[in-house]
N, C-alpha and C. Protein backbone atom coordinates (compact mmCIF):
# COMPACT_ATOMS: atom_id res chain seq x y z
N MET A 1 -41.92 -114.36 90.21
CA MET A 1 -43.18 -113.70 90.47
C MET A 1 -43.32 -112.51 89.53
N SER A 2 -44.41 -112.46 88.77
CA SER A 2 -44.59 -111.36 87.84
C SER A 2 -45.38 -110.24 88.51
N THR A 3 -45.18 -109.03 88.00
CA THR A 3 -45.87 -107.87 88.52
C THR A 3 -47.00 -107.51 87.59
N SER A 4 -48.18 -107.29 88.13
CA SER A 4 -49.31 -106.90 87.27
C SER A 4 -49.12 -105.46 86.80
N ALA A 5 -49.81 -105.10 85.73
CA ALA A 5 -49.68 -103.76 85.16
C ALA A 5 -50.04 -102.67 86.16
N PRO A 6 -51.18 -102.75 86.89
CA PRO A 6 -51.46 -101.69 87.84
C PRO A 6 -50.38 -101.54 88.90
N ALA A 7 -49.84 -102.64 89.39
CA ALA A 7 -48.78 -102.54 90.39
C ALA A 7 -47.54 -101.88 89.80
N ALA A 8 -47.23 -102.17 88.55
CA ALA A 8 -46.08 -101.54 87.90
C ALA A 8 -46.29 -100.03 87.78
N TRP A 9 -47.50 -99.59 87.50
CA TRP A 9 -47.78 -98.16 87.41
C TRP A 9 -47.52 -97.48 88.74
N LEU A 10 -47.80 -98.17 89.83
CA LEU A 10 -47.61 -97.57 91.14
C LEU A 10 -46.15 -97.41 91.51
N GLU A 11 -45.28 -98.11 90.82
CA GLU A 11 -43.86 -98.06 91.13
C GLU A 11 -43.10 -97.00 90.36
N ARG A 12 -43.78 -96.30 89.48
CA ARG A 12 -43.08 -95.25 88.72
C ARG A 12 -43.79 -93.91 88.89
N THR A 13 -43.04 -92.85 88.66
CA THR A 13 -43.60 -91.51 88.75
C THR A 13 -44.57 -91.28 87.61
N PRO A 14 -45.79 -90.83 87.92
CA PRO A 14 -46.74 -90.57 86.83
C PRO A 14 -46.23 -89.47 85.91
N ARG A 15 -46.27 -89.73 84.64
CA ARG A 15 -45.83 -88.76 83.63
C ARG A 15 -46.97 -88.31 82.73
N ARG A 16 -48.03 -89.11 82.67
CA ARG A 16 -49.16 -88.83 81.79
C ARG A 16 -50.44 -88.87 82.63
N LEU A 17 -51.03 -87.69 82.84
CA LEU A 17 -52.20 -87.58 83.70
C LEU A 17 -53.44 -87.23 82.89
N VAL A 18 -54.53 -87.90 83.17
CA VAL A 18 -55.84 -87.51 82.63
C VAL A 18 -56.63 -86.95 83.79
N VAL A 19 -57.14 -85.73 83.61
CA VAL A 19 -57.91 -85.07 84.65
C VAL A 19 -59.34 -84.89 84.16
N ALA A 20 -60.28 -85.49 84.87
CA ALA A 20 -61.70 -85.33 84.53
C ALA A 20 -62.15 -83.96 85.00
N TYR A 21 -62.89 -83.26 84.13
CA TYR A 21 -63.32 -81.90 84.45
C TYR A 21 -64.78 -81.72 84.07
N ASP A 22 -65.56 -81.16 85.01
CA ASP A 22 -66.97 -80.89 84.71
C ASP A 22 -67.39 -79.48 85.09
N GLY A 23 -66.43 -78.65 85.46
CA GLY A 23 -66.73 -77.27 85.80
C GLY A 23 -67.08 -77.06 87.27
N SER A 24 -67.26 -78.13 88.03
CA SER A 24 -67.62 -77.99 89.44
C SER A 24 -66.39 -77.56 90.26
N GLU A 25 -66.65 -77.09 91.46
CA GLU A 25 -65.54 -76.70 92.34
C GLU A 25 -64.67 -77.90 92.66
N SER A 26 -65.28 -79.06 92.81
CA SER A 26 -64.52 -80.28 93.07
C SER A 26 -63.58 -80.59 91.90
N ALA A 27 -64.06 -80.42 90.69
CA ALA A 27 -63.23 -80.66 89.50
C ALA A 27 -62.10 -79.64 89.42
N ASN A 28 -62.38 -78.40 89.79
CA ASN A 28 -61.33 -77.38 89.80
C ASN A 28 -60.25 -77.73 90.82
N ARG A 29 -60.66 -78.21 92.00
CA ARG A 29 -59.67 -78.61 93.01
C ARG A 29 -58.83 -79.77 92.48
N ALA A 30 -59.48 -80.74 91.85
CA ALA A 30 -58.76 -81.90 91.31
C ALA A 30 -57.77 -81.45 90.24
N ALA A 31 -58.19 -80.56 89.35
CA ALA A 31 -57.30 -80.09 88.28
C ALA A 31 -56.11 -79.31 88.85
N ARG A 32 -56.39 -78.43 89.81
CA ARG A 32 -55.29 -77.67 90.41
C ARG A 32 -54.31 -78.60 91.13
N PHE A 33 -54.83 -79.61 91.82
CA PHE A 33 -53.97 -80.57 92.50
C PHE A 33 -53.12 -81.32 91.48
N ALA A 34 -53.74 -81.79 90.40
CA ALA A 34 -53.01 -82.53 89.37
C ALA A 34 -51.90 -81.66 88.77
N LEU A 35 -52.19 -80.40 88.54
CA LEU A 35 -51.18 -79.52 87.95
C LEU A 35 -50.04 -79.25 88.93
N ARG A 36 -50.30 -79.32 90.23
CA ARG A 36 -49.21 -79.19 91.21
C ARG A 36 -48.32 -80.42 91.22
N LEU A 37 -48.83 -81.55 90.74
CA LEU A 37 -48.01 -82.76 90.65
C LEU A 37 -46.94 -82.62 89.57
N VAL A 38 -47.16 -81.70 88.63
CA VAL A 38 -46.22 -81.51 87.53
C VAL A 38 -44.99 -80.81 88.08
N THR A 39 -43.93 -81.57 88.23
CA THR A 39 -42.72 -81.00 88.81
C THR A 39 -41.62 -80.82 87.79
N ASP A 40 -41.56 -81.67 86.81
CA ASP A 40 -40.54 -81.48 85.78
C ASP A 40 -41.03 -82.08 84.47
N PRO A 41 -40.68 -81.40 83.36
CA PRO A 41 -41.04 -81.96 82.06
C PRO A 41 -40.34 -83.29 81.90
N PRO A 42 -40.81 -84.21 81.15
CA PRO A 42 -41.85 -84.08 80.13
C PRO A 42 -43.22 -84.58 80.58
N MET A 43 -43.71 -84.15 81.74
CA MET A 43 -45.05 -84.56 82.16
C MET A 43 -46.08 -83.99 81.19
N GLU A 44 -47.14 -84.77 81.00
CA GLU A 44 -48.22 -84.36 80.11
C GLU A 44 -49.54 -84.51 80.83
N VAL A 45 -50.43 -83.54 80.61
CA VAL A 45 -51.73 -83.53 81.27
C VAL A 45 -52.81 -83.34 80.21
N TRP A 46 -53.86 -84.15 80.32
CA TRP A 46 -55.04 -84.00 79.47
C TRP A 46 -56.19 -83.63 80.38
N LEU A 47 -56.78 -82.44 80.15
CA LEU A 47 -57.98 -82.01 80.86
C LEU A 47 -59.15 -82.45 79.99
N VAL A 48 -60.00 -83.32 80.52
CA VAL A 48 -61.04 -83.96 79.71
C VAL A 48 -62.42 -83.58 80.23
N TYR A 49 -63.24 -83.05 79.33
CA TYR A 49 -64.62 -82.70 79.64
C TYR A 49 -65.54 -83.50 78.73
N ALA A 50 -66.54 -84.14 79.32
CA ALA A 50 -67.50 -84.93 78.55
C ALA A 50 -68.81 -84.16 78.42
N THR A 51 -69.25 -83.99 77.19
CA THR A 51 -70.55 -83.36 76.97
C THR A 51 -71.54 -84.45 76.62
N SER A 52 -72.65 -84.44 77.29
CA SER A 52 -73.71 -85.38 76.94
C SER A 52 -75.04 -84.84 77.43
N ALA A 53 -76.06 -85.08 76.66
CA ALA A 53 -77.40 -84.65 77.06
C ALA A 53 -77.89 -85.60 78.15
N PRO A 54 -78.60 -85.09 79.12
CA PRO A 54 -79.14 -85.97 80.15
C PRO A 54 -80.11 -86.97 79.53
N LEU A 55 -80.16 -88.17 80.10
CA LEU A 55 -81.03 -89.20 79.56
C LEU A 55 -82.50 -88.83 79.71
N THR A 56 -82.87 -88.24 80.81
CA THR A 56 -84.24 -87.80 81.01
C THR A 56 -84.21 -86.39 81.57
N VAL A 57 -85.06 -85.57 81.02
CA VAL A 57 -85.17 -84.20 81.51
C VAL A 57 -86.64 -83.85 81.62
N ALA A 58 -86.97 -83.09 82.63
CA ALA A 58 -88.35 -82.66 82.80
C ALA A 58 -88.73 -81.67 81.71
N GLU A 59 -87.76 -80.87 81.34
CA GLU A 59 -87.99 -79.84 80.34
C GLU A 59 -86.74 -79.71 79.49
N PRO A 60 -86.84 -79.70 78.17
CA PRO A 60 -85.64 -79.57 77.35
C PRO A 60 -84.92 -78.25 77.63
N ARG A 61 -83.61 -78.29 77.59
CA ARG A 61 -82.82 -77.08 77.81
C ARG A 61 -82.69 -76.32 76.50
N PRO A 62 -82.89 -75.01 76.54
CA PRO A 62 -82.71 -74.22 75.32
C PRO A 62 -81.25 -74.25 74.85
N ASP A 63 -81.07 -74.10 73.54
CA ASP A 63 -79.72 -74.11 72.97
C ASP A 63 -78.82 -73.06 73.61
N GLU A 64 -79.37 -71.88 73.91
CA GLU A 64 -78.53 -70.83 74.48
C GLU A 64 -78.07 -71.19 75.90
N GLU A 65 -78.88 -71.93 76.66
CA GLU A 65 -78.45 -72.37 77.99
C GLU A 65 -77.30 -73.37 77.87
N ARG A 66 -77.41 -74.31 76.93
CA ARG A 66 -76.34 -75.28 76.71
C ARG A 66 -75.08 -74.58 76.21
N ALA A 67 -75.23 -73.57 75.33
CA ALA A 67 -74.08 -72.83 74.81
C ALA A 67 -73.38 -72.06 75.93
N THR A 68 -74.16 -71.48 76.84
CA THR A 68 -73.58 -70.74 77.96
C THR A 68 -72.77 -71.67 78.84
N GLU A 69 -73.30 -72.86 79.12
CA GLU A 69 -72.58 -73.84 79.93
C GLU A 69 -71.29 -74.27 79.25
N THR A 70 -71.34 -74.54 77.95
CA THR A 70 -70.15 -74.95 77.21
C THR A 70 -69.11 -73.83 77.20
N THR A 71 -69.55 -72.59 77.06
CA THR A 71 -68.64 -71.45 77.08
C THR A 71 -67.96 -71.34 78.44
N ALA A 72 -68.72 -71.50 79.50
CA ALA A 72 -68.15 -71.42 80.86
C ALA A 72 -67.13 -72.54 81.08
N ILE A 73 -67.46 -73.74 80.64
CA ILE A 73 -66.54 -74.88 80.77
C ILE A 73 -65.26 -74.59 79.98
N SER A 74 -65.42 -74.13 78.76
CA SER A 74 -64.26 -73.83 77.90
C SER A 74 -63.35 -72.79 78.54
N ARG A 75 -63.95 -71.76 79.12
CA ARG A 75 -63.15 -70.72 79.79
C ARG A 75 -62.39 -71.30 80.98
N GLY A 76 -63.06 -72.13 81.78
CA GLY A 76 -62.40 -72.76 82.92
C GLY A 76 -61.24 -73.63 82.49
N LEU A 77 -61.46 -74.44 81.44
CA LEU A 77 -60.40 -75.30 80.93
C LEU A 77 -59.23 -74.48 80.39
N GLU A 78 -59.54 -73.42 79.67
CA GLU A 78 -58.48 -72.58 79.11
C GLU A 78 -57.67 -71.91 80.21
N ALA A 79 -58.33 -71.45 81.27
CA ALA A 79 -57.61 -70.83 82.40
C ALA A 79 -56.67 -71.84 83.05
N LEU A 80 -57.14 -73.07 83.21
CA LEU A 80 -56.27 -74.11 83.78
C LEU A 80 -55.10 -74.40 82.86
N ARG A 81 -55.36 -74.48 81.56
CA ARG A 81 -54.29 -74.76 80.60
C ARG A 81 -53.24 -73.67 80.63
N GLN A 82 -53.67 -72.42 80.66
CA GLN A 82 -52.72 -71.31 80.69
C GLN A 82 -51.89 -71.32 81.96
N SER A 83 -52.51 -71.61 83.11
CA SER A 83 -51.73 -71.65 84.35
C SER A 83 -50.72 -72.78 84.32
N ALA A 84 -51.07 -73.89 83.69
CA ALA A 84 -50.14 -75.01 83.57
C ALA A 84 -49.00 -74.69 82.63
N ASN A 85 -49.27 -73.95 81.57
CA ASN A 85 -48.22 -73.62 80.61
C ASN A 85 -47.12 -72.79 81.23
N ARG A 86 -47.44 -72.09 82.29
CA ARG A 86 -46.39 -71.34 83.00
C ARG A 86 -45.39 -72.28 83.64
N ARG A 87 -45.79 -73.53 83.82
CA ARG A 87 -44.89 -74.54 84.38
C ARG A 87 -44.20 -75.33 83.28
N THR A 88 -44.41 -74.94 82.07
CA THR A 88 -43.81 -75.56 80.88
C THR A 88 -44.09 -77.05 80.75
N CYS A 89 -45.30 -77.45 81.09
CA CYS A 89 -45.68 -78.83 80.83
C CYS A 89 -46.69 -78.83 79.68
N LYS A 90 -46.79 -79.94 79.04
CA LYS A 90 -47.74 -80.06 77.93
C LYS A 90 -49.13 -80.31 78.50
N VAL A 91 -50.07 -79.44 78.19
CA VAL A 91 -51.44 -79.60 78.63
C VAL A 91 -52.35 -79.51 77.42
N GLU A 92 -53.19 -80.52 77.28
CA GLU A 92 -54.17 -80.52 76.20
C GLU A 92 -55.56 -80.53 76.79
N VAL A 93 -56.48 -79.84 76.14
CA VAL A 93 -57.87 -79.80 76.54
C VAL A 93 -58.66 -80.63 75.54
N TRP A 94 -59.39 -81.60 76.05
CA TRP A 94 -60.23 -82.44 75.20
C TRP A 94 -61.67 -82.26 75.64
N ILE A 95 -62.52 -81.89 74.70
CA ILE A 95 -63.95 -81.84 74.92
C ILE A 95 -64.53 -82.91 74.02
N ARG A 96 -65.07 -83.94 74.66
CA ARG A 96 -65.55 -85.11 73.91
C ARG A 96 -67.02 -85.36 74.25
N GLU A 97 -67.74 -85.86 73.29
CA GLU A 97 -69.15 -86.17 73.51
C GLU A 97 -69.30 -87.61 74.01
N GLY A 98 -70.14 -87.76 75.01
CA GLY A 98 -70.42 -89.08 75.54
C GLY A 98 -70.60 -89.05 77.04
N PRO A 99 -70.97 -90.19 77.60
CA PRO A 99 -71.11 -90.28 79.05
C PRO A 99 -69.77 -90.04 79.73
N PRO A 100 -69.74 -89.25 80.82
CA PRO A 100 -68.47 -88.90 81.46
C PRO A 100 -67.57 -90.08 81.80
N VAL A 101 -68.12 -91.14 82.36
CA VAL A 101 -67.28 -92.28 82.74
C VAL A 101 -66.60 -92.87 81.50
N GLU A 102 -67.38 -93.07 80.44
CA GLU A 102 -66.83 -93.65 79.22
C GLU A 102 -65.78 -92.74 78.59
N VAL A 103 -66.04 -91.44 78.59
CA VAL A 103 -65.10 -90.48 78.00
C VAL A 103 -63.78 -90.46 78.77
N VAL A 104 -63.85 -90.43 80.08
CA VAL A 104 -62.62 -90.39 80.91
C VAL A 104 -61.82 -91.67 80.73
N LEU A 105 -62.48 -92.82 80.80
CA LEU A 105 -61.76 -94.09 80.65
C LEU A 105 -61.16 -94.24 79.25
N ALA A 106 -61.90 -93.81 78.22
CA ALA A 106 -61.38 -93.90 76.85
C ALA A 106 -60.18 -92.96 76.67
N ALA A 107 -60.25 -91.78 77.25
CA ALA A 107 -59.13 -90.83 77.14
C ALA A 107 -57.89 -91.41 77.82
N ALA A 108 -58.06 -91.99 79.00
CA ALA A 108 -56.93 -92.59 79.72
C ALA A 108 -56.31 -93.73 78.91
N GLU A 109 -57.13 -94.52 78.29
CA GLU A 109 -56.65 -95.61 77.44
C GLU A 109 -55.91 -95.06 76.22
N GLU A 110 -56.50 -94.05 75.59
CA GLU A 110 -55.93 -93.48 74.36
C GLU A 110 -54.54 -92.90 74.58
N VAL A 111 -54.33 -92.24 75.70
CA VAL A 111 -53.02 -91.60 75.94
C VAL A 111 -52.12 -92.46 76.81
N ASP A 112 -52.59 -93.64 77.18
CA ASP A 112 -51.85 -94.55 78.06
C ASP A 112 -51.46 -93.82 79.35
N ALA A 113 -52.48 -93.25 80.00
CA ALA A 113 -52.26 -92.46 81.22
C ALA A 113 -51.69 -93.31 82.35
N ASP A 114 -50.83 -92.70 83.12
CA ASP A 114 -50.29 -93.33 84.32
C ASP A 114 -51.22 -93.12 85.50
N LEU A 115 -52.07 -92.08 85.42
CA LEU A 115 -52.92 -91.73 86.55
C LEU A 115 -54.12 -90.95 86.04
N ILE A 116 -55.29 -91.24 86.61
CA ILE A 116 -56.50 -90.46 86.37
C ILE A 116 -56.76 -89.66 87.64
N VAL A 117 -57.02 -88.37 87.50
CA VAL A 117 -57.33 -87.51 88.64
C VAL A 117 -58.76 -87.02 88.44
N ILE A 118 -59.57 -87.18 89.49
CA ILE A 118 -60.98 -86.82 89.37
C ILE A 118 -61.46 -86.27 90.71
N GLY A 119 -62.36 -85.33 90.66
CA GLY A 119 -62.96 -84.79 91.88
C GLY A 119 -64.23 -85.55 92.20
N THR A 120 -64.74 -85.31 93.37
CA THR A 120 -66.04 -85.85 93.75
C THR A 120 -66.86 -84.70 94.29
N ARG A 121 -68.06 -84.62 93.87
CA ARG A 121 -68.90 -83.50 94.30
C ARG A 121 -69.17 -83.62 95.79
N GLY A 122 -69.29 -82.50 96.46
CA GLY A 122 -69.59 -82.50 97.88
C GLY A 122 -71.05 -82.85 98.11
N LEU A 123 -71.32 -84.05 98.52
CA LEU A 123 -72.69 -84.46 98.78
C LEU A 123 -73.04 -84.19 100.23
N ARG A 124 -74.33 -84.06 100.52
CA ARG A 124 -74.77 -83.72 101.87
C ARG A 124 -75.31 -84.95 102.60
N GLY A 125 -75.46 -84.80 103.88
CA GLY A 125 -76.09 -85.85 104.68
C GLY A 125 -75.24 -87.09 104.78
N ALA A 126 -75.91 -88.24 104.86
CA ALA A 126 -75.22 -89.52 105.05
C ALA A 126 -74.33 -89.87 103.88
N ARG A 127 -74.65 -89.38 102.66
CA ARG A 127 -73.85 -89.73 101.48
C ARG A 127 -72.59 -88.88 101.39
N LYS A 128 -72.40 -87.94 102.29
CA LYS A 128 -71.25 -87.05 102.27
C LYS A 128 -69.92 -87.80 102.24
N MET A 129 -69.88 -88.97 102.84
CA MET A 129 -68.64 -89.72 102.92
C MET A 129 -68.42 -90.64 101.72
N THR A 130 -69.34 -90.66 100.78
CA THR A 130 -69.20 -91.53 99.62
C THR A 130 -68.79 -90.73 98.40
N LEU A 131 -68.33 -91.44 97.38
CA LEU A 131 -67.93 -90.79 96.14
C LEU A 131 -69.13 -90.40 95.32
N GLY A 132 -68.95 -89.44 94.41
CA GLY A 132 -69.98 -89.14 93.43
C GLY A 132 -70.11 -90.31 92.47
N SER A 133 -71.19 -90.36 91.73
CA SER A 133 -71.44 -91.51 90.87
C SER A 133 -70.40 -91.66 89.76
N VAL A 134 -69.94 -90.56 89.18
CA VAL A 134 -68.93 -90.65 88.11
C VAL A 134 -67.60 -91.09 88.68
N SER A 135 -67.17 -90.46 89.77
CA SER A 135 -65.87 -90.85 90.34
C SER A 135 -65.90 -92.28 90.84
N GLU A 136 -67.01 -92.70 91.43
CA GLU A 136 -67.12 -94.07 91.91
C GLU A 136 -67.04 -95.06 90.75
N ALA A 137 -67.69 -94.75 89.64
CA ALA A 137 -67.66 -95.64 88.48
C ALA A 137 -66.27 -95.69 87.85
N VAL A 138 -65.58 -94.56 87.79
CA VAL A 138 -64.22 -94.54 87.23
C VAL A 138 -63.30 -95.38 88.11
N VAL A 139 -63.38 -95.20 89.41
CA VAL A 139 -62.55 -96.00 90.33
C VAL A 139 -62.84 -97.48 90.15
N GLY A 140 -64.11 -97.83 90.05
CA GLY A 140 -64.49 -99.23 89.96
C GLY A 140 -64.14 -99.90 88.64
N ARG A 141 -64.08 -99.12 87.57
CA ARG A 141 -63.86 -99.71 86.25
C ARG A 141 -62.46 -99.52 85.68
N SER A 142 -61.69 -98.60 86.23
CA SER A 142 -60.38 -98.31 85.65
C SER A 142 -59.33 -99.34 86.03
N PRO A 143 -58.57 -99.82 85.05
CA PRO A 143 -57.44 -100.68 85.37
C PRO A 143 -56.21 -99.85 85.79
N ARG A 144 -56.33 -98.54 85.72
CA ARG A 144 -55.24 -97.62 86.05
C ARG A 144 -55.48 -97.00 87.43
N PRO A 145 -54.45 -96.51 88.07
CA PRO A 145 -54.63 -95.82 89.33
C PRO A 145 -55.52 -94.57 89.15
N VAL A 146 -56.38 -94.33 90.12
CA VAL A 146 -57.26 -93.18 90.11
C VAL A 146 -57.08 -92.44 91.43
N LEU A 147 -56.84 -91.14 91.33
CA LEU A 147 -56.71 -90.30 92.51
C LEU A 147 -57.97 -89.45 92.59
N VAL A 148 -58.73 -89.61 93.69
CA VAL A 148 -59.97 -88.86 93.87
C VAL A 148 -59.70 -87.74 94.86
N ILE A 149 -60.03 -86.52 94.42
CA ILE A 149 -59.81 -85.33 95.24
C ILE A 149 -61.16 -84.84 95.74
N PRO A 150 -61.36 -84.73 97.06
CA PRO A 150 -62.66 -84.26 97.60
C PRO A 150 -62.89 -82.79 97.33
């Protein structure tokens, strides 16, 4: 009886983590949780942020608004990287252009990640118990294990 690749990943300790990051509180919780998983080197973590313009907007966003958002994201990613470096693990920050789902899945493939860690935004009402659209799509399309942090 042969073991499929996803099942084999579940049988070993994750050493290469891709963490999806969008600046939300949910993403911060997911990143902090992933960094707590780092117990001994040589674990490696990639914090991945996808930049993409919305497909439809009621009003175009000014360049300075987009720059402010990118600066805030960069600061958040750098703070996470610095806190991880105190644990002496390798942490890389990747800011890539494209749709978030595609960027996260491509990053996981590129680094041969053992695990993808992603947050889900806190939705209200009846949808509160469901995943966000990006996390749901990553779970549905990834051949790798995905850990979703609420």
